[in-house]
C-alpha cells in the first residue's frame, strides 16, 4: 500500500527540497532563482499547501525575485508546477519588509500566508515594538497585522509561531 503522504518539504542543509513520494520518487529544489540556480542564502522555515502545489518559505537570498532590494530574510511562495517564485513579505502597497520575516505558514489552498516580523513597512504607520504576526492574502494582494491586542494595538510580547487550519 502506498504511503498516504505524497509530498514532503524538507530542509536539507541550507536549501528546501520537495520529495514527491509518488511512483516517480522525484526530489526537487524549491529555493532557486528564476534562472534555476540554487539560492545563495540560508533557508529558514517552510510550509506547504494541502495539495503540495504551493510552498511558502523564508530565505535571505536577494536573487529569488526581481527587485528584492533588502538584505533581510523574506517570505516567498513557489508554485511547484510553474516554478514561479513570488515575494510575499510586502505591504498592501507593495513595499518590501524592512526587517526579517520568519516562521511562515501557508493555507491549504495556498491563498493565505502567515508569518512573523518586526518590520515597520508592512502596515502603513506601524512600528511594532515586538515581533507581530502578519497575514498576506495572495489573491487580494493585501497584508494586515494579525496579532492584535484587545485594545486594537500591538500584542505586548513577541509572537513566536504560526499555523493556519485547513478550513
Foldseek 3Di string as FASTA:
>chain_A
DFDPDQWDWDCDPFFIWIFGRPPVRDIGTQQDAPVGHHFPWGWADWEAAQVRQKMKTWTQGQRRDPPSDASATFIWMAGVVVRDIDTQQAALVRHHFNYHWDAWYAENVRQKIKIWTQGQGHDPPDRDPAIFIWIAGNVSSHIDTPQADPVRHHDPYHDDHDYDDHD
